Amino acid sequence: MLSDFTGAEKVYICCGYTDLRQGIDGLSALVQLEFELDPFSNTLFLFCGRRRDRIKALYWEGNGFVLLYKRLESGSFQWPRKESEARALTPQQYRWLMEGLSIDQPKAHKPVKGLEIV
């Protein structure tokens, strides 16, 4: 379910370590106070703990919050560790993250603006 989440307009990854014992109230307060983002927007917020094998996702569904939890049976998420930063992800970066890849792929083709042909 989390790997093909399409309900959100934006996806933010909350970098660094997050205490995953926090629930909806703690994570939404973190989004609002530390990252200065709106937890009530149509946005999926992702959090990761120290072990990097589990994440929590917070999403406002219009009439209440949804809190999703994913634990990998093996492997880990390639999670950016720069503290106090929330990064917006493209749909491609989100897929990479859910597949266990880094969101900063050095070999990926960067989008380019089309040039005039004639």
C-alpha atoms as a PDB file:
ATOM      1  CA  MET A   1       0.000   0.000   0.000  1.00  0.00           C
ATOM      2  CA  LEU A   2       2.706   2.488   0.942  1.00  0.00           C
ATOM      3  CA  SER A   3       4.882   1.706  -2.076  1.00  0.00           C
ATOM      4  CA  ASP A   4       2.153   2.771  -4.528  1.00  0.00           C
ATOM      5  CA  PHE A   5       0.606   5.584  -2.507  1.00  0.00           C
ATOM      6  CA  THR A   6      -0.973   7.996  -5.001  1.00  0.00           C
ATOM      7  CA  GLY A   7      -3.412   9.997  -2.873  1.00  0.00           C
ATOM      8  CA  ALA A   8      -0.995  12.801  -1.987  1.00  0.00           C
ATOM      9  CA  GLU A   9      -0.082  15.794  -4.130  1.00  0.00           C
ATOM     10  CA  LYS A  10       3.364  16.028  -2.500  1.00  0.00           C
ATOM     11  CA  VAL A  11       5.695  13.729  -0.592  1.00  0.00           C
ATOM     12  CA  TYR A  12       8.161  15.020   1.994  1.00  0.00           C
ATOM     13  CA  ILE A  13      10.907  12.990   3.581  1.00  0.00           C
ATOM     14  CA  CYS A  14      11.816  14.191   7.070  1.00  0.00           C
ATOM     15  CA  CYS A  15      15.577  13.658   7.128  1.00  0.00           C
ATOM     16  CA  GLY A  16      17.573  12.560  10.136  1.00  0.00           C
ATOM     17  CA  TYR A  17      16.466  10.202  12.886  1.00  0.00           C
ATOM     18  CA  THR A  18      12.907  10.320  14.188  1.00  0.00           C
ATOM     19  CA  ASP A  19      11.720   8.682  17.382  1.00  0.00           C
ATOM     20  CA  LEU A  20       9.199   6.255  15.907  1.00  0.00           C
ATOM     21  CA  ARG A  21       7.492   5.820  19.275  1.00  0.00           C
ATOM     22  CA  GLN A  22       5.699   9.061  18.401  1.00  0.00           C
ATOM     23  CA  GLY A  23       2.177   8.775  17.130  1.00  0.00           C
ATOM     24  CA  ILE A  24      -0.034  11.058  15.067  1.00  0.00           C
ATOM     25  CA  ASP A  25       0.069  13.991  17.482  1.00  0.00           C
ATOM     26  CA  GLY A  26       3.844  13.934  17.938  1.00  0.00           C
ATOM     27  CA  LEU A  27       4.632  13.534  14.239  1.00  0.00           C
ATOM     28  CA  SER A  28       2.152  16.202  13.119  1.00  0.00           C
ATOM     29  CA  ALA A  29       3.635  18.595  15.719  1.00  0.00           C
ATOM     30  CA  LEU A  30       7.113  17.823  14.353  1.00  0.00           C
ATOM     31  CA  VAL A  31       5.956  18.631  10.812  1.00  0.00           C
ATOM     32  CA  GLN A  32       4.383  21.899  11.918  1.00  0.00           C
ATOM     33  CA  LEU A  33       6.916  23.164  14.461  1.00  0.00           C
ATOM     34  CA  GLU A  34      10.289  21.892  13.268  1.00  0.00           C
ATOM     35  CA  PHE A  35       9.813  21.810   9.500  1.00  0.00           C
ATOM     36  CA  GLU A  36       7.231  24.639   9.311  1.00  0.00           C
ATOM     37  CA  LEU A  37       4.982  22.665   6.969  1.00  0.00           C
ATOM     38  CA  ASP A  38       1.223  22.140   7.090  1.00  0.00           C
ATOM     39  CA  PRO A  39       0.340  18.623   8.284  1.00  0.00           C
ATOM     40  CA  PHE A  40      -3.257  19.190   7.090  1.00  0.00           C
ATOM     41  CA  SER A  41      -2.222  19.643   3.451  1.00  0.00           C
ATOM     42  CA  ASN A  42      -2.619  16.896   0.872  1.00  0.00           C
ATOM     43  CA  THR A  43       0.940  15.734   1.606  1.00  0.00           C
ATOM     44  CA  LEU A  44       2.512  12.438   2.648  1.00  0.00           C
ATOM     45  CA  PHE A  45       5.210  12.899   5.320  1.00  0.00           C
ATOM     46  CA  LEU A  46       7.776  10.109   5.786  1.00  0.00           C
ATOM     47  CA  PHE A  47       9.846   9.465   8.937  1.00  0.00           C
ATOM     48  CA  CYS A  48      12.600   6.935   9.663  1.00  0.00           C
ATOM     49  CA  GLY A  49      14.201   5.712  12.882  1.00  0.00           C
ATOM     50  CA  ARG A  50      17.843   4.899  13.655  1.00  0.00           C
ATOM     51  CA  ARG A  51      17.690   1.317  12.437  1.00  0.00           C
ATOM     52  CA  ARG A  52      16.524   2.397   8.952  1.00  0.00           C
ATOM     53  CA  ASP A  53      14.489  -0.792   8.524  1.00  0.00           C
ATOM     54  CA  ARG A  54      11.157   0.833   9.375  1.00  0.00           C
ATOM     55  CA  ILE A  55       9.352   4.005   8.456  1.00  0.00           C
ATOM     56  CA  LYS A  56       6.180   5.800   9.439  1.00  0.00           C
ATOM     57  CA  ALA A  57       4.064   7.829   7.053  1.00  0.00           C
ATOM     58  CA  LEU A  58       1.613  10.535   8.090  1.00  0.00           C
ATOM     59  CA  TYR A  59      -1.193  11.719   5.816  1.00  0.00           C
ATOM     60  CA  TRP A  60      -4.244  13.947   6.358  1.00  0.00           C
ATOM     61  CA  GLU A  61      -7.197  12.325   4.590  1.00  0.00           C
ATOM     62  CA  GLY A  62      -9.632  15.234   4.791  1.00  0.00           C
ATOM     63  CA  ASN A  63     -11.395  14.241   7.991  1.00  0.00           C
ATOM     64  CA  GLY A  64      -8.593  12.613   9.969  1.00  0.00           C
ATOM     65  CA  PHE A  65      -4.980  11.495   9.947  1.00  0.00           C
ATOM     66  CA  VAL A  66      -3.748   8.195   8.566  1.00  0.00           C
ATOM     67  CA  LEU A  67      -0.597   6.754  10.143  1.00  0.00           C
ATOM     68  CA  LEU A  68       1.132   3.982   8.194  1.00  0.00           C
ATOM     69  CA  TYR A  69       4.019   1.856   9.457  1.00  0.00           C
ATOM     70  CA  LYS A  70       6.316  -0.265   7.312  1.00  0.00           C
ATOM     71  CA  ARG A  71       9.007  -2.636   8.580  1.00  0.00           C
ATOM     72  CA  LEU A  72      11.364  -4.346   6.159  1.00  0.00           C
ATOM     73  CA  GLU A  73      12.092  -8.014   6.790  1.00  0.00           C
ATOM     74  CA  SER A  74      15.612  -7.552   5.432  1.00  0.00           C
ATOM     75  CA  GLY A  75      17.624  -4.615   4.166  1.00  0.00           C
ATOM     76  CA  SER A  76      17.220  -0.958   4.990  1.00  0.00           C
ATOM     77  CA  PHE A  77      15.969   2.302   3.566  1.00  0.00           C
ATOM     78  CA  GLN A  78      18.562   4.657   2.079  1.00  0.00           C
ATOM     79  CA  TRP A  79      17.619   7.589   4.288  1.00  0.00           C
ATOM     80  CA  PRO A  80      19.245  11.058   4.157  1.00  0.00           C
ATOM     81  CA  ARG A  81      20.617  11.924   7.596  1.00  0.00           C
ATOM     82  CA  LYS A  82      20.946  15.719   7.395  1.00  0.00           C
ATOM     83  CA  GLU A  83      19.151  16.877  10.537  1.00  0.00           C
ATOM     84  CA  SER A  84      16.301  19.398  10.562  1.00  0.00           C
ATOM     85  CA  GLU A  85      15.487  19.166   6.897  1.00  0.00           C
ATOM     86  CA  ALA A  86      12.365  18.098   5.064  1.00  0.00           C
ATOM     87  CA  ARG A  87      12.905  17.397   1.372  1.00  0.00           C
ATOM     88  CA  ALA A  88      10.210  17.250  -1.259  1.00  0.00           C
ATOM     89  CA  LEU A  89      10.434  14.084  -3.337  1.00  0.00           C
ATOM     90  CA  THR A  90       9.524  13.593  -6.955  1.00  0.00           C
ATOM     91  CA  PRO A  91       7.382  10.548  -7.782  1.00  0.00           C
ATOM     92  CA  GLN A  92      10.537   8.855  -9.149  1.00  0.00           C
ATOM     93  CA  GLN A  93      12.516   9.537  -5.957  1.00  0.00           C
ATOM     94  CA  TYR A  94       9.631   8.157  -3.901  1.00  0.00           C
ATOM     95  CA  ARG A  95       9.662   4.931  -5.957  1.00  0.00           C
ATOM     96  CA  TRP A  96      13.445   4.664  -5.537  1.00  0.00           C
ATOM     97  CA  LEU A  97      13.118   5.079  -1.771  1.00  0.00           C
ATOM     98  CA  MET A  98      10.429   2.387  -1.523  1.00  0.00           C
ATOM     99  CA  GLU A  99      12.630   0.058  -3.626  1.00  0.00           C
ATOM    100  CA  GLY A 100      15.575   0.516  -1.236  1.00  0.00           C
ATOM    101  CA  LEU A 101      17.546   2.870  -3.458  1.00  0.00           C
ATOM    102  CA  SER A 102      19.024   6.261  -2.669  1.00  0.00           C
ATOM    103  CA  ILE A 103      16.846   9.228  -3.617  1.00  0.00           C
ATOM    104  CA  ASP A 104      19.964  10.882  -5.071  1.00  0.00           C
ATOM    105  CA  GLN A 105      20.768   8.637  -8.017  1.00  0.00           C
ATOM    106  CA  PRO A 106      23.974   9.899  -9.648  1.00  0.00           C
ATOM    107  CA  LYS A 107      23.338   7.978 -12.877  1.00  0.00           C
ATOM    108  CA  ALA A 108      19.694   8.922 -13.327  1.00  0.00           C
ATOM    109  CA  HIS A 109      18.830  11.131 -16.259  1.00  0.00           C
ATOM    110  CA  LYS A 110      17.997  14.629 -15.109  1.00  0.00           C
ATOM    111  CA  PRO A 111      14.939  16.288 -16.669  1.00  0.00           C
ATOM    112  CA  VAL A 112      15.868  18.785 -19.368  1.00  0.00           C
ATOM    113  CA  LYS A 113      13.861  21.492 -21.012  1.00  0.00           C
ATOM    114  CA  GLY A 114      13.191  20.842 -24.684  1.00  0.00           C
ATOM    115  CA  LEU A 115      15.117  23.007 -27.110  1.00  0.00           C
ATOM    116  CA  GLU A 116      13.781  24.630 -30.221  1.00  0.00           C
ATOM    117  CA  ILE A 117      14.040  22.271 -33.181  1.00  0.00           C
ATOM    118  CA  VAL A 118      13.993  24.778 -35.999  1.00  0.00           C
END
